[in-house]
Amino acid sequence: LLPAPGRGKAPLGFQLGRDGARPAGAARRRKRAPEPGRTKATVKGRVVKSAIEEYHKKKAVNHLRANLQYMLKGRFVANKAITEQVLAQNRGRKSKDQPPKKVAKKKPEGTVFTEEDFRKFEREYFGRP
């Protein structure tokens, strides 16, 4: 059994060091200084990719033209009630997401009485002939 590093004395034939007990006379191995060309960890067979190619791969693509052609190609026109229902499901619940409420256009209020009825009422109420 070896004692825990930093506690007590090392057993015979061992030296107690900063990193625990090691055999006496064992040379302390030092880490070599990294060579200038080998600073990066590499994977065998890895090909360095061009930054321009990577940029073109990840660049956003505009699908508007293809989508418009697809939409215009179809002949089926959805029912207005169904489209409204789908739009309502996708809309948020906050007031800012709600569309403005449509105000019904007020029709100019007409009268059920004719000009003749007004003259008759005038004669009866005011007493004029």
N, C-alpha and C. Protein backbone atom coordinates (compact mmCIF):
# COMPACT_ATOMS: atom_id res chain seq x y z
N LEU A 1 0.83 -1.20 0.00
CA LEU A 1 0.00 0.00 0.00
C LEU A 1 0.86 1.24 0.00
N LEU A 2 0.47 2.22 -0.79
CA LEU A 2 1.18 3.50 -0.83
C LEU A 2 0.38 4.52 -0.04
N PRO A 3 1.06 5.35 0.70
CA PRO A 3 0.32 6.39 1.41
C PRO A 3 -0.15 7.46 0.44
N ALA A 4 -1.15 8.20 0.84
CA ALA A 4 -1.67 9.29 0.01
C ALA A 4 -0.57 10.33 -0.17
N PRO A 5 -0.50 10.98 -1.33
CA PRO A 5 0.55 11.96 -1.57
C PRO A 5 0.49 13.08 -0.55
N GLY A 6 1.68 13.47 -0.11
CA GLY A 6 1.76 14.60 0.80
C GLY A 6 1.55 14.22 2.25
N ARG A 7 1.37 12.93 2.57
CA ARG A 7 1.12 12.53 3.95
C ARG A 7 2.17 11.52 4.38
N GLY A 8 2.70 11.68 5.51
CA GLY A 8 3.60 10.69 6.09
C GLY A 8 4.86 10.50 5.29
N LYS A 9 5.47 9.34 5.43
CA LYS A 9 6.72 9.05 4.74
C LYS A 9 6.46 8.05 3.63
N ALA A 10 7.32 8.08 2.62
CA ALA A 10 7.20 7.14 1.51
C ALA A 10 7.78 5.80 1.94
N PRO A 11 7.24 4.68 1.43
CA PRO A 11 7.81 3.37 1.78
C PRO A 11 9.22 3.23 1.21
N LEU A 12 9.92 2.20 1.67
CA LEU A 12 11.30 2.00 1.24
C LEU A 12 11.39 1.82 -0.26
N GLY A 13 12.40 2.40 -0.86
CA GLY A 13 12.60 2.26 -2.30
C GLY A 13 11.79 3.27 -3.10
N PHE A 14 11.08 4.15 -2.44
CA PHE A 14 10.28 5.14 -3.13
C PHE A 14 10.67 6.53 -2.64
N GLN A 15 10.56 7.51 -3.51
CA GLN A 15 10.78 8.90 -3.11
C GLN A 15 9.44 9.60 -3.09
N LEU A 16 9.27 10.47 -2.12
CA LEU A 16 8.01 11.21 -2.01
C LEU A 16 8.18 12.52 -2.76
N GLY A 17 7.35 12.76 -3.75
CA GLY A 17 7.45 14.00 -4.52
C GLY A 17 6.13 14.74 -4.49
N ARG A 18 6.11 15.83 -5.27
CA ARG A 18 4.91 16.66 -5.31
C ARG A 18 3.74 15.89 -5.93
N ASP A 19 4.04 15.01 -6.86
CA ASP A 19 2.98 14.25 -7.53
C ASP A 19 2.90 12.82 -7.00
N GLY A 20 3.22 12.61 -5.75
CA GLY A 20 3.05 11.29 -5.14
C GLY A 20 4.36 10.53 -5.09
N ALA A 21 4.29 9.30 -4.58
CA ALA A 21 5.49 8.48 -4.43
C ALA A 21 5.87 7.90 -5.77
N ARG A 22 7.19 7.87 -6.06
CA ARG A 22 7.68 7.28 -7.31
C ARG A 22 8.93 6.48 -6.99
N PRO A 23 9.25 5.53 -7.85
CA PRO A 23 10.43 4.70 -7.56
C PRO A 23 11.69 5.55 -7.45
N ALA A 24 12.57 5.18 -6.51
CA ALA A 24 13.80 5.93 -6.32
C ALA A 24 14.68 5.78 -7.53
N GLY A 25 15.32 6.82 -7.94
CA GLY A 25 16.23 6.79 -9.07
C GLY A 25 15.53 6.93 -10.41
N ALA A 26 14.20 6.96 -10.40
CA ALA A 26 13.49 7.12 -11.68
C ALA A 26 13.68 8.56 -12.13
N ALA A 27 14.06 8.70 -13.38
CA ALA A 27 14.30 10.05 -13.89
C ALA A 27 12.99 10.79 -14.00
N ARG A 28 13.06 12.05 -13.66
CA ARG A 28 11.86 12.88 -13.78
C ARG A 28 11.70 13.24 -15.25
N ARG A 29 10.59 12.88 -15.82
CA ARG A 29 10.38 13.15 -17.23
C ARG A 29 9.77 14.53 -17.39
N ARG A 30 10.38 15.30 -18.24
CA ARG A 30 9.87 16.65 -18.49
C ARG A 30 9.08 16.63 -19.80
N LYS A 31 8.08 17.50 -19.85
CA LYS A 31 7.32 17.62 -21.09
C LYS A 31 8.16 18.38 -22.09
N ARG A 32 8.22 17.85 -23.31
CA ARG A 32 8.96 18.54 -24.35
C ARG A 32 8.24 19.82 -24.74
N ALA A 33 8.98 20.81 -25.10
CA ALA A 33 8.38 22.04 -25.62
C ALA A 33 7.79 21.71 -26.98
N PRO A 34 6.57 22.17 -27.25
CA PRO A 34 5.95 21.82 -28.54
C PRO A 34 6.73 22.43 -29.70
N GLU A 35 6.83 21.64 -30.76
CA GLU A 35 7.52 22.15 -31.94
C GLU A 35 6.63 23.17 -32.62
N PRO A 36 7.25 24.14 -33.31
CA PRO A 36 6.44 25.24 -33.89
C PRO A 36 5.38 24.77 -34.89
N GLY A 37 5.67 23.74 -35.67
CA GLY A 37 4.72 23.33 -36.70
C GLY A 37 3.61 22.44 -36.18
N ARG A 38 3.72 21.96 -34.95
CA ARG A 38 2.75 20.98 -34.46
C ARG A 38 1.92 21.55 -33.32
N THR A 39 1.48 22.78 -33.45
CA THR A 39 0.72 23.39 -32.37
C THR A 39 -0.73 22.95 -32.38
N LYS A 40 -1.27 22.60 -33.54
CA LYS A 40 -2.70 22.26 -33.62
C LYS A 40 -2.89 20.75 -33.52
N ALA A 41 -3.94 20.35 -32.84
CA ALA A 41 -4.31 18.94 -32.83
C ALA A 41 -5.01 18.66 -34.15
N THR A 42 -4.54 17.64 -34.88
CA THR A 42 -5.13 17.35 -36.18
C THR A 42 -5.69 15.95 -36.21
N VAL A 43 -6.59 15.74 -37.12
CA VAL A 43 -7.19 14.42 -37.33
C VAL A 43 -6.58 13.86 -38.61
N LYS A 44 -6.25 12.60 -38.57
CA LYS A 44 -5.61 11.99 -39.74
C LYS A 44 -6.54 12.04 -40.95
N GLY A 45 -6.01 12.51 -42.05
CA GLY A 45 -6.79 12.55 -43.28
C GLY A 45 -7.72 13.75 -43.39
N ARG A 46 -7.64 14.69 -42.47
CA ARG A 46 -8.54 15.85 -42.52
C ARG A 46 -8.06 16.82 -43.59
N VAL A 47 -9.01 17.31 -44.38
CA VAL A 47 -8.68 18.25 -45.44
C VAL A 47 -9.09 19.63 -44.96
N VAL A 48 -8.20 20.59 -45.12
CA VAL A 48 -8.51 21.96 -44.72
C VAL A 48 -9.47 22.54 -45.75
N LYS A 49 -10.60 23.06 -45.25
CA LYS A 49 -11.62 23.58 -46.14
C LYS A 49 -11.41 25.07 -46.36
N SER A 50 -11.79 25.51 -47.50
CA SER A 50 -11.68 26.92 -47.81
C SER A 50 -12.75 27.70 -47.06
N ALA A 51 -12.36 28.82 -46.50
CA ALA A 51 -13.32 29.65 -45.76
C ALA A 51 -14.40 30.19 -46.69
N ILE A 52 -14.05 30.44 -47.94
CA ILE A 52 -15.03 30.96 -48.90
C ILE A 52 -16.08 29.89 -49.20
N GLU A 53 -15.62 28.63 -49.36
CA GLU A 53 -16.57 27.54 -49.61
C GLU A 53 -17.51 27.37 -48.43
N GLU A 54 -16.97 27.44 -47.21
CA GLU A 54 -17.81 27.32 -46.01
C GLU A 54 -18.83 28.44 -45.96
N TYR A 55 -18.42 29.65 -46.32
CA TYR A 55 -19.33 30.79 -46.30
C TYR A 55 -20.47 30.58 -47.30
N HIS A 56 -20.11 30.12 -48.50
CA HIS A 56 -21.15 29.91 -49.51
C HIS A 56 -22.11 28.80 -49.11
N LYS A 57 -21.60 27.79 -48.40
CA LYS A 57 -22.47 26.69 -47.95
C LYS A 57 -23.48 27.18 -46.93
N LYS A 58 -23.01 28.02 -46.02
CA LYS A 58 -23.88 28.44 -44.91
C LYS A 58 -24.65 29.73 -45.18
N LYS A 59 -24.43 30.33 -46.35
CA LYS A 59 -25.11 31.58 -46.69
C LYS A 59 -26.61 31.31 -46.87
N ALA A 60 -27.42 32.24 -46.39
CA ALA A 60 -28.87 32.08 -46.50
C ALA A 60 -29.27 32.11 -47.98
N VAL A 61 -30.21 31.24 -48.34
CA VAL A 61 -30.67 31.15 -49.72
C VAL A 61 -32.07 31.74 -49.80
N ASN A 62 -32.30 32.55 -50.82
CA ASN A 62 -33.62 33.16 -50.99
C ASN A 62 -34.49 32.21 -51.82
N HIS A 63 -35.53 31.67 -51.21
CA HIS A 63 -36.40 30.69 -51.87
C HIS A 63 -37.66 31.34 -52.44
N LEU A 64 -37.70 32.67 -52.48
CA LEU A 64 -38.93 33.36 -52.87
C LEU A 64 -39.39 32.96 -54.27
N ARG A 65 -38.48 32.98 -55.23
CA ARG A 65 -38.87 32.69 -56.63
C ARG A 65 -39.44 31.27 -56.76
N ALA A 66 -38.76 30.30 -56.16
CA ALA A 66 -39.23 28.91 -56.25
C ALA A 66 -40.57 28.76 -55.53
N ASN A 67 -40.72 29.42 -54.40
CA ASN A 67 -41.98 29.32 -53.65
C ASN A 67 -43.12 29.96 -54.42
N LEU A 68 -42.87 31.10 -55.06
CA LEU A 68 -43.92 31.76 -55.85
C LEU A 68 -44.34 30.87 -57.02
N GLN A 69 -43.38 30.27 -57.69
CA GLN A 69 -43.74 29.38 -58.81
C GLN A 69 -44.57 28.21 -58.31
N TYR A 70 -44.20 27.68 -57.17
CA TYR A 70 -44.95 26.55 -56.60
C TYR A 70 -46.37 26.98 -56.26
N MET A 71 -46.50 28.16 -55.64
CA MET A 71 -47.83 28.62 -55.23
C MET A 71 -48.70 28.94 -56.44
N LEU A 72 -48.11 29.54 -57.45
CA LEU A 72 -48.90 29.91 -58.62
C LEU A 72 -49.26 28.70 -59.47
N LYS A 73 -48.48 27.63 -59.37
CA LYS A 73 -48.73 26.43 -60.16
C LYS A 73 -50.01 25.74 -59.70
N GLY A 74 -50.29 25.78 -58.41
CA GLY A 74 -51.47 25.08 -57.89
C GLY A 74 -52.76 25.76 -58.32
N ARG A 75 -53.76 24.98 -58.58
CA ARG A 75 -55.04 25.54 -59.02
C ARG A 75 -56.06 25.59 -57.90
N PHE A 76 -55.76 24.90 -56.80
CA PHE A 76 -56.72 24.85 -55.70
C PHE A 76 -56.65 26.14 -54.90
N VAL A 77 -57.80 26.79 -54.74
CA VAL A 77 -57.85 28.00 -53.93
C VAL A 77 -58.61 27.64 -52.66
N ALA A 78 -57.97 27.86 -51.54
CA ALA A 78 -58.57 27.47 -50.26
C ALA A 78 -59.77 28.35 -49.93
N ASN A 79 -60.67 27.79 -49.16
CA ASN A 79 -61.85 28.52 -48.73
C ASN A 79 -61.42 29.66 -47.81
N LYS A 80 -62.06 30.81 -47.94
CA LYS A 80 -61.68 31.99 -47.15
C LYS A 80 -61.82 31.73 -45.66
N ALA A 81 -62.85 31.01 -45.27
CA ALA A 81 -63.06 30.72 -43.84
C ALA A 81 -61.93 29.85 -43.29
N ILE A 82 -61.47 28.91 -44.09
CA ILE A 82 -60.38 28.02 -43.66
C ILE A 82 -59.08 28.80 -43.53
N THR A 83 -58.80 29.68 -44.50
CA THR A 83 -57.57 30.46 -44.42
C THR A 83 -57.59 31.38 -43.21
N GLU A 84 -58.74 31.97 -42.92
CA GLU A 84 -58.84 32.83 -41.74
C GLU A 84 -58.60 32.03 -40.46
N GLN A 85 -59.11 30.81 -40.43
CA GLN A 85 -58.93 29.96 -39.25
C GLN A 85 -57.45 29.60 -39.05
N VAL A 86 -56.77 29.27 -40.15
CA VAL A 86 -55.34 28.93 -40.05
C VAL A 86 -54.54 30.15 -39.60
N LEU A 87 -54.85 31.30 -40.17
CA LEU A 87 -54.14 32.53 -39.76
C LEU A 87 -54.39 32.84 -38.30
N ALA A 88 -55.60 32.61 -37.83
CA ALA A 88 -55.92 32.89 -36.43
C ALA A 88 -55.15 31.95 -35.50
N GLN A 89 -54.93 30.70 -35.93
CA GLN A 89 -54.19 29.75 -35.09
C GLN A 89 -52.72 30.13 -35.00
N ASN A 90 -52.17 30.71 -36.05
CA ASN A 90 -50.76 31.07 -36.05
C ASN A 90 -50.50 32.42 -35.38
N ARG A 91 -51.53 33.16 -35.11
CA ARG A 91 -51.37 34.49 -34.54
C ARG A 91 -51.12 34.38 -33.05
N GLY A 92 -50.36 35.31 -32.50
CA GLY A 92 -50.11 35.31 -31.07
C GLY A 92 -51.34 35.78 -30.30
N ARG A 93 -51.26 35.63 -28.97
CA ARG A 93 -52.41 36.02 -28.15
C ARG A 93 -52.30 37.44 -27.63
N LYS A 94 -51.14 38.07 -27.81
CA LYS A 94 -50.97 39.44 -27.33
C LYS A 94 -51.79 40.40 -28.18
N SER A 95 -52.10 41.54 -27.59
CA SER A 95 -52.93 42.50 -28.32
C SER A 95 -52.19 43.05 -29.53
N LYS A 96 -50.86 43.13 -29.46
CA LYS A 96 -50.11 43.65 -30.60
C LYS A 96 -50.16 42.70 -31.79
N ASP A 97 -50.43 41.42 -31.54
CA ASP A 97 -50.51 40.45 -32.63
C ASP A 97 -51.89 40.38 -33.27
N GLN A 98 -52.86 40.98 -32.63
CA GLN A 98 -54.23 40.89 -33.15
C GLN A 98 -54.42 41.92 -34.27
N PRO A 99 -55.13 41.53 -35.32
CA PRO A 99 -55.38 42.50 -36.39
C PRO A 99 -56.40 43.53 -35.92
N PRO A 100 -56.36 44.72 -36.52
CA PRO A 100 -57.35 45.73 -36.12
C PRO A 100 -58.76 45.24 -36.43
N LYS A 101 -59.67 45.51 -35.52
CA LYS A 101 -61.04 45.04 -35.72
C LYS A 101 -61.69 45.84 -36.85
N LYS A 102 -62.38 45.12 -37.71
CA LYS A 102 -63.02 45.77 -38.84
C LYS A 102 -64.29 46.46 -38.36
N VAL A 103 -64.37 47.75 -38.65
CA VAL A 103 -65.55 48.50 -38.27
C VAL A 103 -66.53 48.44 -39.44
N ALA A 104 -67.75 48.02 -39.15
CA ALA A 104 -68.75 47.92 -40.20
C ALA A 104 -69.10 49.32 -40.70
N LYS A 105 -69.13 49.46 -42.01
CA LYS A 105 -69.45 50.77 -42.57
C LYS A 105 -70.92 51.07 -42.32
N LYS A 106 -71.15 52.26 -41.79
CA LYS A 106 -72.53 52.65 -41.50
C LYS A 106 -73.19 53.14 -42.79
N LYS A 107 -74.33 52.56 -43.04
CA LYS A 107 -75.08 53.00 -44.21
C LYS A 107 -75.77 54.31 -43.86
N PRO A 108 -75.87 55.20 -44.80
CA PRO A 108 -76.59 56.44 -44.48
C PRO A 108 -78.03 56.09 -44.10
N GLU A 109 -78.38 56.59 -42.94
CA GLU A 109 -79.70 56.21 -42.42
C GLU A 109 -80.80 56.86 -43.25
N GLY A 110 -81.59 56.03 -43.83
CA GLY A 110 -82.72 56.53 -44.60
C GLY A 110 -83.95 56.63 -43.68
N THR A 111 -84.99 57.13 -44.20
CA THR A 111 -86.22 57.26 -43.41
C THR A 111 -87.31 56.42 -44.04
N VAL A 112 -88.20 55.95 -43.18
CA VAL A 112 -89.33 55.18 -43.70
C VAL A 112 -90.48 56.09 -44.12
N PHE A 113 -90.36 57.33 -43.71
CA PHE A 113 -91.44 58.27 -44.04
C PHE A 113 -91.12 58.97 -45.35
N THR A 114 -92.16 59.23 -46.11
CA THR A 114 -91.99 59.96 -47.37
C THR A 114 -92.27 61.43 -47.13
N GLU A 115 -92.01 62.22 -48.13
CA GLU A 115 -92.27 63.67 -48.02
C GLU A 115 -93.75 63.94 -47.79
N GLU A 116 -94.58 63.11 -48.39
CA GLU A 116 -96.04 63.27 -48.23
C GLU A 116 -96.45 63.02 -46.78
N ASP A 117 -95.80 62.04 -46.13
CA ASP A 117 -96.11 61.75 -44.72
C ASP A 117 -95.72 62.94 -43.82
N PHE A 118 -94.62 63.59 -44.13
CA PHE A 118 -94.19 64.75 -43.33
C PHE A 118 -95.18 65.91 -43.47
N ARG A 119 -95.66 66.12 -44.69
CA ARG A 119 -96.64 67.21 -44.88
C ARG A 119 -97.93 66.92 -44.12
N LYS A 120 -98.33 65.67 -44.15
CA LYS A 120 -99.56 65.27 -43.44
C LYS A 120 -99.38 65.47 -41.93
N PHE A 121 -98.23 65.08 -41.40
CA PHE A 121 -97.94 65.24 -39.98
C PHE A 121 -97.91 66.73 -39.61
N GLU A 122 -97.32 67.53 -40.49
CA GLU A 122 -97.23 68.97 -40.25
C GLU A 122 -98.62 69.59 -40.14
N ARG A 123 -99.51 69.15 -41.04
CA ARG A 123 -100.88 69.69 -41.03
C ARG A 123 -101.59 69.29 -39.73
N GLU A 124 -101.42 68.01 -39.32
CA GLU A 124 -102.12 67.55 -38.12
C GLU A 124 -101.55 68.17 -36.86
N TYR A 125 -100.23 68.31 -36.77
CA TYR A 125 -99.60 68.75 -35.52
C TYR A 125 -99.62 70.25 -35.37
N PHE A 126 -99.26 70.96 -36.43
CA PHE A 126 -99.21 72.42 -36.33
C PHE A 126 -100.53 73.08 -36.75
N GLY A 127 -101.39 72.35 -37.34
CA GLY A 127 -102.67 72.90 -37.73
C GLY A 127 -102.62 73.73 -38.99
N ARG A 128 -101.65 73.57 -39.80
CA ARG A 128 -101.58 74.32 -41.06
C ARG A 128 -102.25 73.50 -42.15
N PRO A 129 -102.82 74.21 -43.13
CA PRO A 129 -103.51 73.49 -44.21
C PRO A 129 -102.59 72.89 -45.23
